[in-house]
């Protein structure tokens, strides 16, 4: 009796399993997971650092930054500025709108437009001439620039004395210069400024 009941129900069971397989195959595949974001978003940078000082961590590969009032164990990460057309393993070319931290840049000459400077910025091995547009900081003397969060806004053409046209990257100041945390006064080798 049980065997007959099973034999009668087997076709229905088989049809149910086939229908279930078809429905399951018809489901759209789940969307691919977005790659894990390493660096802070534009929104995080704007909210936490626009026109404010920050503290820079000790990591030499990635800038670990935090607002002055955050605990030491809470940081956001940003790439350091290496310049354009620099072949550094693991470093991608900057795109307009990207945020970076300039570190150990050197303030050069002031350009014709107020708040615009030519600086030497990049890695410790290779520094490139770069236009630095300040938004709030007023530099008073030449020297090194305390690390600053900047936004890459593209390139600008300049004519050299020999008539050739050259393009320089342009970085706009986002944060105020970093808060000095190494004890004592900021060394004389750094440019003096007003906020």
C-alpha atoms as a PDB file:
ATOM      1  CA  UNK A   1       0.000   0.000   0.000  1.00  0.00           C
ATOM      2  CA  UNK A   2       2.766   2.435   0.939  1.00  0.00           C
ATOM      3  CA  UNK A   3       4.676   1.569  -2.213  1.00  0.00           C
ATOM      4  CA  UNK A   4       1.610   2.280  -4.385  1.00  0.00           C
ATOM      5  CA  UNK A   5       1.067   5.641  -2.668  1.00  0.00           C
ATOM      6  CA  UNK A   6       4.735   6.550  -3.222  1.00  0.00           C
ATOM      7  CA  UNK A   7       4.527   5.468  -6.887  1.00  0.00           C
ATOM      8  CA  UNK A   8       1.492   7.697  -7.446  1.00  0.00           C
ATOM      9  CA  UNK A   9       3.135  10.702  -5.713  1.00  0.00           C
ATOM     10  CA  UNK A  10       6.554  10.306  -7.372  1.00  0.00           C
ATOM     11  CA  UNK A  11       5.611  12.058 -10.646  1.00  0.00           C
ATOM     12  CA  UNK A  12       4.182  14.998  -8.707  1.00  0.00           C
ATOM     13  CA  UNK A  13       7.300  15.199  -6.582  1.00  0.00           C
ATOM     14  CA  UNK A  14       9.492  15.106  -9.697  1.00  0.00           C
ATOM     15  CA  UNK A  15       7.445  17.894 -11.329  1.00  0.00           C
ATOM     16  CA  UNK A  16       7.694  20.009  -8.150  1.00  0.00           C
ATOM     17  CA  UNK A  17      11.482  19.589  -8.054  1.00  0.00           C
ATOM     18  CA  UNK A  18      11.804  20.496 -11.746  1.00  0.00           C
ATOM     19  CA  UNK A  19       9.608  23.587 -11.247  1.00  0.00           C
ATOM     20  CA  UNK A  20      11.672  24.625  -8.232  1.00  0.00           C
ATOM     21  CA  UNK A  21      14.915  24.238 -10.217  1.00  0.00           C
ATOM     22  CA  UNK A  22      13.504  26.332 -13.091  1.00  0.00           C
ATOM     23  CA  UNK A  23      12.357  29.102 -10.728  1.00  0.00           C
ATOM     24  CA  UNK A  24      15.711  29.089  -8.943  1.00  0.00           C
ATOM     25  CA  UNK A  25      17.591  29.323 -12.257  1.00  0.00           C
ATOM     26  CA  UNK A  26      15.392  32.205 -13.376  1.00  0.00           C
ATOM     27  CA  UNK A  27      16.413  34.369 -10.410  1.00  0.00           C
ATOM     28  CA  UNK A  28      18.806  37.146 -11.395  1.00  0.00           C
ATOM     29  CA  UNK A  29      22.334  36.704 -10.160  1.00  0.00           C
ATOM     30  CA  UNK A  30      23.162  38.844  -7.140  1.00  0.00           C
ATOM     31  CA  UNK A  31      24.973  42.065  -8.056  1.00  0.00           C
ATOM     32  CA  UNK A  32      28.744  41.894  -7.697  1.00  0.00           C
ATOM     33  CA  UNK A  33      30.060  43.227  -4.430  1.00  0.00           C
ATOM     34  CA  UNK A  34      31.639  46.648  -4.660  1.00  0.00           C
ATOM     35  CA  UNK A  35      35.371  46.581  -4.037  1.00  0.00           C
ATOM     36  CA  UNK A  36      36.252  47.362  -0.450  1.00  0.00           C
ATOM     37  CA  UNK A  37      36.986  51.056  -0.130  1.00  0.00           C
ATOM     38  CA  UNK A  38      40.388  51.775   1.348  1.00  0.00           C
ATOM     39  CA  UNK A  39      40.338  55.565   1.360  1.00  0.00           C
ATOM     40  CA  UNK A  40      37.928  58.033   2.924  1.00  0.00           C
ATOM     41  CA  UNK A  41      35.036  59.186   0.761  1.00  0.00           C
ATOM     42  CA  UNK A  42      34.736  62.769  -0.477  1.00  0.00           C
ATOM     43  CA  UNK A  43      31.866  63.284   1.971  1.00  0.00           C
ATOM     44  CA  UNK A  44      33.974  62.081   4.920  1.00  0.00           C
ATOM     45  CA  UNK A  45      36.810  64.419   3.937  1.00  0.00           C
ATOM     46  CA  UNK A  46      34.526  67.440   3.525  1.00  0.00           C
ATOM     47  CA  UNK A  47      32.653  66.846   6.800  1.00  0.00           C
ATOM     48  CA  UNK A  48      35.703  66.162   8.942  1.00  0.00           C
ATOM     49  CA  UNK A  49      38.525  68.259   7.479  1.00  0.00           C
ATOM     50  CA  UNK A  50      37.276  71.265   5.472  1.00  0.00           C
ATOM     51  CA  UNK A  51      39.116  74.326   6.901  1.00  0.00           C
ATOM     52  CA  UNK A  52      40.181  72.395  10.016  1.00  0.00           C
ATOM     53  CA  UNK A  53      43.427  71.157  11.446  1.00  0.00           C
ATOM     54  CA  UNK A  54      44.034  67.428  11.667  1.00  0.00           C
ATOM     55  CA  UNK A  55      46.498  64.957  13.118  1.00  0.00           C
ATOM     56  CA  UNK A  56      48.616  62.799  10.820  1.00  0.00           C
ATOM     57  CA  UNK A  57      49.598  59.278  11.915  1.00  0.00           C
ATOM     58  CA  UNK A  58      52.982  57.592  11.555  1.00  0.00           C
ATOM     59  CA  UNK A  59      52.221  55.358   8.548  1.00  0.00           C
ATOM     60  CA  UNK A  60      54.648  56.155   5.696  1.00  0.00           C
ATOM     61  CA  UNK A  61      52.636  54.312   3.020  1.00  0.00           C
ATOM     62  CA  UNK A  62      49.115  55.667   3.589  1.00  0.00           C
ATOM     63  CA  UNK A  63      48.136  58.908   5.301  1.00  0.00           C
ATOM     64  CA  UNK A  64      46.154  58.068   8.435  1.00  0.00           C
ATOM     65  CA  UNK A  65      44.370  61.270   9.376  1.00  0.00           C
ATOM     66  CA  UNK A  66      41.957  62.212  12.125  1.00  0.00           C
ATOM     67  CA  UNK A  67      40.307  65.376  13.357  1.00  0.00           C
ATOM     68  CA  UNK A  68      41.967  66.819  16.455  1.00  0.00           C
ATOM     69  CA  UNK A  69      39.078  65.741  18.716  1.00  0.00           C
ATOM     70  CA  UNK A  70      38.975  62.075  17.607  1.00  0.00           C
ATOM     71  CA  UNK A  71      40.556  59.294  19.702  1.00  0.00           C
ATOM     72  CA  UNK A  72      43.931  57.953  18.508  1.00  0.00           C
ATOM     73  CA  UNK A  73      42.501  54.623  17.365  1.00  0.00           C
ATOM     74  CA  UNK A  74      39.952  56.174  14.981  1.00  0.00           C
ATOM     75  CA  UNK A  75      41.419  57.310  11.652  1.00  0.00           C
ATOM     76  CA  UNK A  76      40.500  57.840   8.024  1.00  0.00           C
ATOM     77  CA  UNK A  77      42.952  56.948   5.269  1.00  0.00           C
ATOM     78  CA  UNK A  78      44.006  59.049   2.292  1.00  0.00           C
ATOM     79  CA  UNK A  79      46.767  58.537  -0.265  1.00  0.00           C
ATOM     80  CA  UNK A  80      49.866  60.692  -0.164  1.00  0.00           C
ATOM     81  CA  UNK A  81      50.427  62.966  -3.174  1.00  0.00           C
ATOM     82  CA  UNK A  82      53.179  61.557  -5.376  1.00  0.00           C
ATOM     83  CA  UNK A  83      52.522  63.762  -8.402  1.00  0.00           C
ATOM     84  CA  UNK A  84      51.401  62.941 -11.932  1.00  0.00           C
ATOM     85  CA  UNK A  85      53.169  60.607 -14.353  1.00  0.00           C
ATOM     86  CA  UNK A  86      55.092  59.013 -11.488  1.00  0.00           C
ATOM     87  CA  UNK A  87      55.670  55.283 -11.802  1.00  0.00           C
ATOM     88  CA  UNK A  88      55.277  54.012  -8.257  1.00  0.00           C
ATOM     89  CA  UNK A  89      54.073  50.425  -7.736  1.00  0.00           C
ATOM     90  CA  UNK A  90      50.536  50.369  -6.347  1.00  0.00           C
ATOM     91  CA  UNK A  91      49.926  54.086  -6.969  1.00  0.00           C
ATOM     92  CA  UNK A  92      47.297  55.026  -9.534  1.00  0.00           C
ATOM     93  CA  UNK A  93      47.257  58.247 -11.532  1.00  0.00           C
ATOM     94  CA  UNK A  94      45.305  61.008  -9.788  1.00  0.00           C
ATOM     95  CA  UNK A  95      41.835  61.847 -11.080  1.00  0.00           C
ATOM     96  CA  UNK A  96      40.222  65.257 -10.817  1.00  0.00           C
ATOM     97  CA  UNK A  97      38.399  65.511  -7.511  1.00  0.00           C
ATOM     98  CA  UNK A  98      40.598  62.985  -5.672  1.00  0.00           C
ATOM     99  CA  UNK A  99      41.830  63.902  -2.194  1.00  0.00           C
ATOM    100  CA  UNK A 100      45.439  63.525  -1.046  1.00  0.00           C
ATOM    101  CA  UNK A 101      47.788  64.530   1.736  1.00  0.00           C
ATOM    102  CA  UNK A 102      50.843  66.547   0.710  1.00  0.00           C
ATOM    103  CA  UNK A 103      53.760  65.950   3.020  1.00  0.00           C
ATOM    104  CA  UNK A 104      57.179  67.598   3.045  1.00  0.00           C
ATOM    105  CA  UNK A 105      56.217  69.886   0.157  1.00  0.00           C
ATOM    106  CA  UNK A 106      58.272  73.048  -0.193  1.00  0.00           C
ATOM    107  CA  UNK A 107      56.671  76.436  -0.722  1.00  0.00           C
ATOM    108  CA  UNK A 108      58.195  78.173  -3.731  1.00  0.00           C
ATOM    109  CA  UNK A 109      57.228  81.479  -5.279  1.00  0.00           C
ATOM    110  CA  UNK A 110      53.868  83.166  -5.004  1.00  0.00           C
ATOM    111  CA  UNK A 111      52.002  83.348  -8.326  1.00  0.00           C
ATOM    112  CA  UNK A 112      50.190  86.427  -9.643  1.00  0.00           C
ATOM    113  CA  UNK A 113      46.823  85.364  -8.223  1.00  0.00           C
ATOM    114  CA  UNK A 114      46.566  85.854  -4.431  1.00  0.00           C
ATOM    115  CA  UNK A 115      46.641  82.552  -2.551  1.00  0.00           C
ATOM    116  CA  UNK A 116      48.370  80.653  -5.372  1.00  0.00           C
ATOM    117  CA  UNK A 117      51.876  79.282  -4.977  1.00  0.00           C
ATOM    118  CA  UNK A 118      54.282  77.170  -6.944  1.00  0.00           C
ATOM    119  CA  UNK A 119      55.437  74.350  -4.680  1.00  0.00           C
ATOM    120  CA  UNK A 120      57.698  71.327  -4.968  1.00  0.00           C
ATOM    121  CA  UNK A 121      55.567  68.313  -3.997  1.00  0.00           C
ATOM    122  CA  UNK A 122      55.667  64.560  -4.388  1.00  0.00           C
ATOM    123  CA  UNK A 123      57.633  61.668  -2.962  1.00  0.00           C
ATOM    124  CA  UNK A 124      60.805  62.088  -0.948  1.00  0.00           C
ATOM    125  CA  UNK A 125      62.779  60.978  -4.016  1.00  0.00           C
ATOM    126  CA  UNK A 126      61.033  62.964  -6.763  1.00  0.00           C
ATOM    127  CA  UNK A 127      59.332  66.294  -6.253  1.00  0.00           C
ATOM    128  CA  UNK A 128      57.462  68.028  -9.068  1.00  0.00           C
ATOM    129  CA  UNK A 129      56.485  71.625  -9.499  1.00  0.00           C
ATOM    130  CA  UNK A 130      52.835  71.898  -8.572  1.00  0.00           C
ATOM    131  CA  UNK A 131      50.385  74.784  -8.251  1.00  0.00           C
ATOM    132  CA  UNK A 132      49.037  75.035  -4.711  1.00  0.00           C
ATOM    133  CA  UNK A 133      45.843  77.052  -4.237  1.00  0.00           C
ATOM    134  CA  UNK A 134      45.226  78.083  -0.650  1.00  0.00           C
ATOM    135  CA  UNK A 135      41.674  78.695   0.460  1.00  0.00           C
ATOM    136  CA  UNK A 136      42.159  79.903   4.013  1.00  0.00           C
ATOM    137  CA  UNK A 137      45.806  79.656   5.017  1.00  0.00           C
ATOM    138  CA  UNK A 138      47.965  82.729   4.360  1.00  0.00           C
ATOM    139  CA  UNK A 139      51.629  81.822   4.058  1.00  0.00           C
ATOM    140  CA  UNK A 140      54.015  84.528   5.239  1.00  0.00           C
ATOM    141  CA  UNK A 141      57.469  82.984   4.666  1.00  0.00           C
ATOM    142  CA  UNK A 142      59.027  80.358   2.391  1.00  0.00           C
ATOM    143  CA  UNK A 143      59.872  76.894   3.690  1.00  0.00           C
ATOM    144  CA  UNK A 144      58.388  73.434   4.033  1.00  0.00           C
ATOM    145  CA  UNK A 145      54.600  73.136   4.269  1.00  0.00           C
ATOM    146  CA  UNK A 146      53.118  71.219   7.172  1.00  0.00           C
ATOM    147  CA  UNK A 147      51.153  68.239   5.811  1.00  0.00           C
ATOM    148  CA  UNK A 148      47.859  69.421   4.346  1.00  0.00           C
ATOM    149  CA  UNK A 149      44.843  67.659   2.869  1.00  0.00           C
ATOM    150  CA  UNK A 150      44.347  68.797  -0.730  1.00  0.00           C
ATOM    151  CA  UNK A 151      42.134  68.060  -3.725  1.00  0.00           C
ATOM    152  CA  UNK A 152      43.543  67.504  -7.203  1.00  0.00           C
ATOM    153  CA  UNK A 153      41.679  69.823  -9.583  1.00  0.00           C
ATOM    154  CA  UNK A 154      43.512  69.184 -12.850  1.00  0.00           C
ATOM    155  CA  UNK A 155      46.366  70.803 -14.734  1.00  0.00           C
ATOM    156  CA  UNK A 156      47.148  74.370 -15.715  1.00  0.00           C
ATOM    157  CA  UNK A 157      49.262  75.596 -18.620  1.00  0.00           C
ATOM    158  CA  UNK A 158      52.141  77.986 -18.140  1.00  0.00           C
ATOM    159  CA  UNK A 159      54.529  79.545 -20.645  1.00  0.00           C
ATOM    160  CA  UNK A 160      58.175  79.212 -19.803  1.00  0.00           C
ATOM    161  CA  UNK A 161      60.725  81.929 -20.512  1.00  0.00           C
ATOM    162  CA  UNK A 162      61.800  80.064 -23.665  1.00  0.00           C
ATOM    163  CA  UNK A 163      58.192  80.180 -24.990  1.00  0.00           C
ATOM    164  CA  UNK A 164      57.401  76.495 -24.470  1.00  0.00           C
ATOM    165  CA  UNK A 165      54.096  75.581 -22.847  1.00  0.00           C
ATOM    166  CA  UNK A 166      54.176  73.299 -19.809  1.00  0.00           C
ATOM    167  CA  UNK A 167      51.396  71.885 -17.678  1.00  0.00           C
ATOM    168  CA  UNK A 168      51.529  71.647 -13.911  1.00  0.00           C
ATOM    169  CA  UNK A 169      49.148  69.779 -11.616  1.00  0.00           C
ATOM    170  CA  UNK A 170      46.933  71.977  -9.447  1.00  0.00           C
ATOM    171  CA  UNK A 171      46.110  71.132  -5.828  1.00  0.00           C
ATOM    172  CA  UNK A 172      43.519  73.058  -3.805  1.00  0.00           C
ATOM    173  CA  UNK A 173      43.859  73.266  -0.034  1.00  0.00           C
ATOM    174  CA  UNK A 174      41.039  71.473   1.816  1.00  0.00           C
ATOM    175  CA  UNK A 175      42.238  71.374   5.423  1.00  0.00           C
ATOM    176  CA  UNK A 176      44.318  73.752   7.431  1.00  0.00           C
ATOM    177  CA  UNK A 177      47.924  72.634   7.906  1.00  0.00           C
ATOM    178  CA  UNK A 178      48.291  69.704  10.285  1.00  0.00           C
ATOM    179  CA  UNK A 179      48.452  70.300  14.026  1.00  0.00           C
ATOM    180  CA  UNK A 180      52.071  69.991  15.198  1.00  0.00           C
ATOM    181  CA  UNK A 181      52.233  67.077  17.656  1.00  0.00           C
ATOM    182  CA  UNK A 182      55.968  66.368  17.958  1.00  0.00           C
ATOM    183  CA  UNK A 183      56.564  68.605  20.967  1.00  0.00           C
ATOM    184  CA  UNK A 184      58.080  72.058  21.085  1.00  0.00           C
ATOM    185  CA  UNK A 185      57.558  74.685  18.437  1.00  0.00           C
ATOM    186  CA  UNK A 186      57.276  74.053  14.713  1.00  0.00           C
ATOM    187  CA  UNK A 187      60.886  74.096  13.386  1.00  0.00           C
ATOM    188  CA  UNK A 188      62.092  77.209  11.574  1.00  0.00           C
ATOM    189  CA  UNK A 189      62.429  75.231   8.321  1.00  0.00           C
ATOM    190  CA  UNK A 190      58.619  75.270   7.979  1.00  0.00           C
ATOM    191  CA  UNK A 191      56.810  78.183   6.333  1.00  0.00           C
ATOM    192  CA  UNK A 192      55.058  80.522   8.731  1.00  0.00           C
ATOM    193  CA  UNK A 193      51.355  81.111   8.109  1.00  0.00           C
ATOM    194  CA  UNK A 194      48.163  82.625   9.441  1.00  0.00           C
ATOM    195  CA  UNK A 195      44.772  80.955   9.501  1.00  0.00           C
END
